[in-house]
C-alpha atoms as a PDB file:
ATOM      1  CA  UNK A   1    -154.941 179.057   1.201  1.00  0.00           C
ATOM      2  CA  UNK A   2    -151.489 179.839   2.509  1.00  0.00           C
ATOM      3  CA  UNK A   3    -152.872 182.808   4.520  1.00  0.00           C
ATOM      4  CA  UNK A   4    -155.801 180.950   5.779  1.00  0.00           C
ATOM      5  CA  UNK A   5    -153.540 178.058   7.042  1.00  0.00           C
ATOM      6  CA  UNK A   6    -151.226 180.527   8.596  1.00  0.00           C
ATOM      7  CA  UNK A   7    -154.015 182.531  10.400  1.00  0.00           C
ATOM      8  CA  UNK A   8    -155.521 179.073  11.658  1.00  0.00           C
ATOM      9  CA  UNK A   9    -152.082 177.935  12.900  1.00  0.00           C
ATOM     10  CA  UNK A  10    -151.675 181.366  14.926  1.00  0.00           C
ATOM     11  CA  UNK A  11    -155.239 181.050  16.336  1.00  0.00           C
ATOM     12  CA  UNK A  12    -154.601 177.442  17.471  1.00  0.00           C
ATOM     13  CA  UNK A  13    -151.150 178.569  18.966  1.00  0.00           C
ATOM     14  CA  UNK A  14    -152.870 181.338  21.060  1.00  0.00           C
ATOM     15  CA  UNK A  15    -155.564 179.080  22.148  1.00  0.00           C
ATOM     16  CA  UNK A  16    -152.987 176.545  23.398  1.00  0.00           C
ATOM     17  CA  UNK A  17    -150.883 179.282  25.108  1.00  0.00           C
ATOM     18  CA  UNK A  18    -154.162 180.441  27.040  1.00  0.00           C
ATOM     19  CA  UNK A  19    -154.989 176.884  28.074  1.00  0.00           C
ATOM     20  CA  UNK A  20    -151.388 176.339  29.361  1.00  0.00           C
ATOM     21  CA  UNK A  21    -151.460 179.869  30.967  1.00  0.00           C
ATOM     22  CA  UNK A  22    -154.618 179.112  32.956  1.00  0.00           C
ATOM     23  CA  UNK A  23    -153.237 175.792  34.041  1.00  0.00           C
ATOM     24  CA  UNK A  24    -149.861 177.427  35.293  1.00  0.00           C
ATOM     25  CA  UNK A  25    -151.771 180.176  37.118  1.00  0.00           C
ATOM     26  CA  UNK A  26    -153.808 177.737  39.028  1.00  0.00           C
ATOM     27  CA  UNK A  27    -150.867 176.432  40.802  1.00  0.00           C
ATOM     28  CA  UNK A  28    -149.622 179.443  42.698  1.00  0.00           C
ATOM     29  CA  UNK A  29    -153.353 180.394  43.177  1.00  0.00           C
ATOM     30  CA  UNK A  30    -153.843 177.194  44.973  1.00  0.00           C
ATOM     31  CA  UNK A  31    -150.656 177.729  47.214  1.00  0.00           C
ATOM     32  CA  UNK A  32    -151.933 181.194  48.077  1.00  0.00           C
ATOM     33  CA  UNK A  33    -155.158 179.655  49.426  1.00  0.00           C
ATOM     34  CA  UNK A  34    -152.972 177.308  51.504  1.00  0.00           C
ATOM     35  CA  UNK A  35    -150.940 180.207  52.587  1.00  0.00           C
ATOM     36  CA  UNK A  36    -153.936 182.002  53.725  1.00  0.00           C
ATOM     37  CA  UNK A  37    -154.961 178.986  55.824  1.00  0.00           C
ATOM     38  CA  UNK A  38    -151.575 179.096  57.571  1.00  0.00           C
ATOM     39  CA  UNK A  39    -152.229 182.531  58.612  1.00  0.00           C
ATOM     40  CA  UNK A  40    -154.676 181.106  61.161  1.00  0.00           C
ATOM     41  CA  UNK A  41    -152.133 178.648  62.480  1.00  0.00           C
ATOM     42  CA  UNK A  42    -149.553 178.837  64.981  1.00  0.00           C
ATOM     43  CA  UNK A  43    -147.015 180.086  62.650  1.00  0.00           C
ATOM     44  CA  UNK A  44    -148.521 183.013  60.681  1.00  0.00           C
ATOM     45  CA  UNK A  45    -145.190 184.321  59.518  1.00  0.00           C
ATOM     46  CA  UNK A  46    -144.600 181.142  57.451  1.00  0.00           C
ATOM     47  CA  UNK A  47    -147.959 181.686  55.651  1.00  0.00           C
ATOM     48  CA  UNK A  48    -147.050 185.356  54.938  1.00  0.00           C
ATOM     49  CA  UNK A  49    -143.747 184.270  53.312  1.00  0.00           C
ATOM     50  CA  UNK A  50    -145.288 181.508  51.169  1.00  0.00           C
ATOM     51  CA  UNK A  51    -147.921 183.992  49.898  1.00  0.00           C
ATOM     52  CA  UNK A  52    -145.134 186.525  48.961  1.00  0.00           C
ATOM     53  CA  UNK A  53    -143.408 183.901  46.949  1.00  0.00           C
ATOM     54  CA  UNK A  54    -146.564 182.811  45.139  1.00  0.00           C
ATOM     55  CA  UNK A  55    -147.440 186.425  44.451  1.00  0.00           C
ATOM     56  CA  UNK A  56    -144.106 187.023  42.915  1.00  0.00           C
ATOM     57  CA  UNK A  57    -144.473 183.879  40.796  1.00  0.00           C
ATOM     58  CA  UNK A  58    -147.886 185.017  39.632  1.00  0.00           C
ATOM     59  CA  UNK A  59    -146.389 188.386  38.717  1.00  0.00           C
ATOM     60  CA  UNK A  60    -143.517 186.825  36.744  1.00  0.00           C
ATOM     61  CA  UNK A  61    -145.791 184.678  34.672  1.00  0.00           C
ATOM     62  CA  UNK A  62    -148.168 187.620  33.950  1.00  0.00           C
ATOM     63  CA  UNK A  63    -145.364 189.896  32.980  1.00  0.00           C
ATOM     64  CA  UNK A  64    -143.910 187.124  30.615  1.00  0.00           C
ATOM     65  CA  UNK A  65    -147.219 186.584  29.058  1.00  0.00           C
ATOM     66  CA  UNK A  66    -147.701 190.327  28.519  1.00  0.00           C
ATOM     67  CA  UNK A  67    -144.257 190.569  26.865  1.00  0.00           C
ATOM     68  CA  UNK A  68    -145.055 187.570  24.637  1.00  0.00           C
ATOM     69  CA  UNK A  69    -148.295 189.217  23.532  1.00  0.00           C
ATOM     70  CA  UNK A  70    -146.545 192.453  22.765  1.00  0.00           C
ATOM     71  CA  UNK A  71    -143.852 190.609  20.797  1.00  0.00           C
ATOM     72  CA  UNK A  72    -146.570 189.042  18.786  1.00  0.00           C
ATOM     73  CA  UNK A  73    -147.600 192.503  17.661  1.00  0.00           C
ATOM     74  CA  UNK A  74    -144.361 193.369  16.373  1.00  0.00           C
ATOM     75  CA  UNK A  75    -142.553 194.833  19.497  1.00  0.00           C
ATOM     76  CA  UNK A  76    -138.828 195.389  19.026  1.00  0.00           C
ATOM     77  CA  UNK A  77    -139.154 196.425  15.387  1.00  0.00           C
ATOM     78  CA  UNK A  78    -139.762 200.219  16.073  1.00  0.00           C
ATOM     79  CA  UNK A  79    -137.699 200.792  19.261  1.00  0.00           C
ATOM     80  CA  UNK A  80    -134.213 200.179  17.861  1.00  0.00           C
ATOM     81  CA  UNK A  81    -131.203 201.922  18.693  1.00  0.00           C
ATOM     82  CA  UNK A  82    -127.270 201.210  18.671  1.00  0.00           C
ATOM     83  CA  UNK A  83    -125.813 200.177  21.927  1.00  0.00           C
ATOM     84  CA  UNK A  84    -122.871 198.101  23.162  1.00  0.00           C
ATOM     85  CA  UNK A  85    -123.952 194.447  23.845  1.00  0.00           C
ATOM     86  CA  UNK A  86    -121.289 193.735  26.302  1.00  0.00           C
ATOM     87  CA  UNK A  87    -122.239 197.006  28.219  1.00  0.00           C
ATOM     88  CA  UNK A  88    -125.545 195.182  29.123  1.00  0.00           C
ATOM     89  CA  UNK A  89    -123.959 192.090  30.616  1.00  0.00           C
ATOM     90  CA  UNK A  90    -122.475 193.412  33.894  1.00  0.00           C
ATOM     91  CA  UNK A  91    -125.792 194.774  35.130  1.00  0.00           C
ATOM     92  CA  UNK A  92    -127.587 191.597  34.472  1.00  0.00           C
ATOM     93  CA  UNK A  93    -124.871 189.452  35.897  1.00  0.00           C
ATOM     94  CA  UNK A  94    -124.803 191.504  39.037  1.00  0.00           C
ATOM     95  CA  UNK A  95    -128.199 190.205  39.845  1.00  0.00           C
ATOM     96  CA  UNK A  96    -126.990 186.764  40.344  1.00  0.00           C
ATOM     97  CA  UNK A  97    -124.312 185.263  42.551  1.00  0.00           C
ATOM     98  CA  UNK A  98    -121.877 182.980  40.539  1.00  0.00           C
ATOM     99  CA  UNK A  99    -122.238 184.912  37.224  1.00  0.00           C
ATOM    100  CA  UNK A 100    -118.944 185.803  35.395  1.00  0.00           C
ATOM    101  CA  UNK A 101    -118.565 187.737  32.179  1.00  0.00           C
ATOM    102  CA  UNK A 102    -116.157 188.744  29.410  1.00  0.00           C
ATOM    103  CA  UNK A 103    -115.621 189.487  25.779  1.00  0.00           C
ATOM    104  CA  UNK A 104    -115.281 192.515  23.636  1.00  0.00           C
ATOM    105  CA  UNK A 105    -117.222 195.578  23.164  1.00  0.00           C
ATOM    106  CA  UNK A 106    -119.595 195.212  20.104  1.00  0.00           C
ATOM    107  CA  UNK A 107    -122.056 197.657  18.917  1.00  0.00           C
ATOM    108  CA  UNK A 108    -125.538 196.267  17.807  1.00  0.00           C
ATOM    109  CA  UNK A 109    -128.786 197.597  16.703  1.00  0.00           C
ATOM    110  CA  UNK A 110    -131.796 196.518  18.716  1.00  0.00           C
ATOM    111  CA  UNK A 111    -134.288 197.059  21.495  1.00  0.00           C
ATOM    112  CA  UNK A 112    -131.980 197.605  24.637  1.00  0.00           C
ATOM    113  CA  UNK A 113    -134.767 196.511  26.996  1.00  0.00           C
ATOM    114  CA  UNK A 114    -135.628 193.397  25.131  1.00  0.00           C
ATOM    115  CA  UNK A 115    -132.057 192.198  24.973  1.00  0.00           C
ATOM    116  CA  UNK A 116    -131.687 192.847  28.537  1.00  0.00           C
ATOM    117  CA  UNK A 117    -134.549 190.591  29.342  1.00  0.00           C
ATOM    118  CA  UNK A 118    -133.049 187.996  26.888  1.00  0.00           C
ATOM    119  CA  UNK A 119    -129.814 188.059  28.917  1.00  0.00           C
ATOM    120  CA  UNK A 120    -131.599 187.935  32.262  1.00  0.00           C
ATOM    121  CA  UNK A 121    -133.567 184.936  31.194  1.00  0.00           C
ATOM    122  CA  UNK A 122    -130.573 182.997  29.843  1.00  0.00           C
ATOM    123  CA  UNK A 123    -128.651 183.472  33.026  1.00  0.00           C
ATOM    124  CA  UNK A 124    -131.548 182.844  35.226  1.00  0.00           C
ATOM    125  CA  UNK A 125    -132.259 179.749  33.258  1.00  0.00           C
ATOM    126  CA  UNK A 126    -128.466 178.596  33.560  1.00  0.00           C
ATOM    127  CA  UNK A 127    -128.440 179.119  37.284  1.00  0.00           C
ATOM    128  CA  UNK A 128    -131.867 177.391  37.840  1.00  0.00           C
ATOM    129  CA  UNK A 129    -131.317 174.347  35.745  1.00  0.00           C
ATOM    130  CA  UNK A 130    -127.508 174.202  35.616  1.00  0.00           C
ATOM    131  CA  UNK A 131    -124.837 175.051  38.033  1.00  0.00           C
ATOM    132  CA  UNK A 132    -122.636 177.977  38.870  1.00  0.00           C
ATOM    133  CA  UNK A 133    -120.453 179.410  37.741  1.00  0.00           C
ATOM    134  CA  UNK A 134    -122.290 180.847  34.735  1.00  0.00           C
ATOM    135  CA  UNK A 135    -120.217 182.456  32.189  1.00  0.00           C
ATOM    136  CA  UNK A 136    -121.526 185.216  29.687  1.00  0.00           C
ATOM    137  CA  UNK A 137    -119.393 186.013  26.635  1.00  0.00           C
ATOM    138  CA  UNK A 138    -119.837 188.540  23.800  1.00  0.00           C
ATOM    139  CA  UNK A 139    -117.626 187.893  20.625  1.00  0.00           C
ATOM    140  CA  UNK A 140    -117.442 189.166  17.145  1.00  0.00           C
ATOM    141  CA  UNK A 141    -117.369 186.740  14.326  1.00  0.00           C
ATOM    142  CA  UNK A 142    -117.306 187.870  10.556  1.00  0.00           C
ATOM    143  CA  UNK A 143    -119.131 191.018  11.563  1.00  0.00           C
ATOM    144  CA  UNK A 144    -121.802 189.441  13.612  1.00  0.00           C
ATOM    145  CA  UNK A 145    -122.089 189.571  17.404  1.00  0.00           C
ATOM    146  CA  UNK A 146    -122.392 186.281  19.342  1.00  0.00           C
ATOM    147  CA  UNK A 147    -123.723 186.188  22.999  1.00  0.00           C
ATOM    148  CA  UNK A 148    -122.896 182.943  24.702  1.00  0.00           C
ATOM    149  CA  UNK A 149    -124.199 181.714  28.081  1.00  0.00           C
ATOM    150  CA  UNK A 150    -122.694 178.555  29.635  1.00  0.00           C
ATOM    151  CA  UNK A 151    -122.774 177.057  33.084  1.00  0.00           C
ATOM    152  CA  UNK A 152    -121.122 174.249  35.043  1.00  0.00           C
ATOM    153  CA  UNK A 153    -123.999 171.737  34.657  1.00  0.00           C
ATOM    154  CA  UNK A 154    -124.439 168.625  32.605  1.00  0.00           C
ATOM    155  CA  UNK A 155    -126.175 170.516  29.726  1.00  0.00           C
ATOM    156  CA  UNK A 156    -129.456 169.711  28.024  1.00  0.00           C
ATOM    157  CA  UNK A 157    -130.118 166.491  26.460  1.00  0.00           C
ATOM    158  CA  UNK A 158    -131.231 166.686  22.739  1.00  0.00           C
ATOM    159  CA  UNK A 159    -134.626 165.220  23.493  1.00  0.00           C
ATOM    160  CA  UNK A 160    -135.339 167.936  26.101  1.00  0.00           C
ATOM    161  CA  UNK A 161    -133.855 170.672  23.825  1.00  0.00           C
ATOM    162  CA  UNK A 162    -136.395 169.978  21.165  1.00  0.00           C
ATOM    163  CA  UNK A 163    -139.410 171.070  23.277  1.00  0.00           C
ATOM    164  CA  UNK A 164    -138.020 173.723  25.563  1.00  0.00           C
ATOM    165  CA  UNK A 165    -138.869 176.518  23.350  1.00  0.00           C
ATOM    166  CA  UNK A 166    -142.500 175.867  23.673  1.00  0.00           C
ATOM    167  CA  UNK A 167    -144.474 177.740  26.219  1.00  0.00           C
ATOM    168  CA  UNK A 168    -144.655 176.179  29.666  1.00  0.00           C
ATOM    169  CA  UNK A 169    -142.534 173.082  28.394  1.00  0.00           C
ATOM    170  CA  UNK A 170    -140.023 171.761  30.988  1.00  0.00           C
ATOM    171  CA  UNK A 171    -137.488 169.177  30.682  1.00  0.00           C
ATOM    172  CA  UNK A 172    -137.783 165.658  32.355  1.00  0.00           C
ATOM    173  CA  UNK A 173    -137.699 165.779  36.083  1.00  0.00           C
ATOM    174  CA  UNK A 174    -137.935 169.588  36.061  1.00  0.00           C
ATOM    175  CA  UNK A 175    -141.672 170.005  36.704  1.00  0.00           C
ATOM    176  CA  UNK A 176    -141.354 171.059  40.287  1.00  0.00           C
ATOM    177  CA  UNK A 177    -138.610 173.729  39.795  1.00  0.00           C
ATOM    178  CA  UNK A 178    -139.795 177.273  40.224  1.00  0.00           C
ATOM    179  CA  UNK A 179    -140.224 179.555  37.158  1.00  0.00           C
ATOM    180  CA  UNK A 180    -142.632 180.774  34.685  1.00  0.00           C
ATOM    181  CA  UNK A 181    -141.824 178.170  31.974  1.00  0.00           C
ATOM    182  CA  UNK A 182    -141.643 180.959  29.504  1.00  0.00           C
ATOM    183  CA  UNK A 183    -138.039 181.904  29.907  1.00  0.00           C
ATOM    184  CA  UNK A 184    -136.578 180.212  26.703  1.00  0.00           C
ATOM    185  CA  UNK A 185    -139.800 180.850  24.819  1.00  0.00           C
ATOM    186  CA  UNK A 186    -139.224 184.601  25.187  1.00  0.00           C
ATOM    187  CA  UNK A 187    -135.562 184.205  24.439  1.00  0.00           C
ATOM    188  CA  UNK A 188    -136.341 182.650  21.062  1.00  0.00           C
ATOM    189  CA  UNK A 189    -138.978 185.341  20.256  1.00  0.00           C
ATOM    190  CA  UNK A 190    -136.692 188.217  21.361  1.00  0.00           C
ATOM    191  CA  UNK A 191    -133.936 186.726  19.084  1.00  0.00           C
ATOM    192  CA  UNK A 192    -136.471 186.389  16.231  1.00  0.00           C
ATOM    193  CA  UNK A 193    -137.548 190.095  16.592  1.00  0.00           C
ATOM    194  CA  UNK A 194    -133.964 190.989  16.034  1.00  0.00           C
ATOM    195  CA  UNK A 195    -133.529 188.627  13.177  1.00  0.00           C
ATOM    196  CA  UNK A 196    -130.852 186.811  15.376  1.00  0.00           C
ATOM    197  CA  UNK A 197    -130.510 183.111  15.716  1.00  0.00           C
ATOM    198  CA  UNK A 198    -130.752 181.102  18.890  1.00  0.00           C
ATOM    199  CA  UNK A 199    -129.470 177.524  19.836  1.00  0.00           C
ATOM    200  CA  UNK A 200    -129.091 175.426  22.755  1.00  0.00           C
ATOM    201  CA  UNK A 201    -125.988 173.079  23.243  1.00  0.00           C
ATOM    202  CA  UNK A 202    -125.355 170.241  25.508  1.00  0.00           C
END
């Protein structure tokens, strides 16, 4: 009975994810159609730029969905190696203006590529929904590594924080902000794959 209930819950979760994904993909596709119409207007360069943005958004959503599917099959369990957690931070911070970092070198065991993705999603989320500067710190506490990402914004309300780990869930008044809506969901799944905990603070 437990296994049957668990399988049913997983199937329902996948069905909900697919339904939400189809909805999210329709939005940039609709904007691409508008962009194509602009190509016939007096300012075709504007249409091209808008189409490029929408294609990039589609690619981001598809990449995140593929990674979620791979994590569901156990990716991250067999590709582990020791690496310096702090050593990954400068490369990811260099992608964004207003990102600062510090801390101590700590060797951890995990999938380096997935942890890079986790850091990137956290920094991107902080700059998209918060305010610069973003600070990334790595600390050691009783033999465990702690990665902390903070920003200069007002933080997340407890009500919003409850649902933000669900796929495509956005906070109040954040529906029109660009993004795949999967960033924090993937952060949680990557943390789970590494037997790590993840929490959001105000």
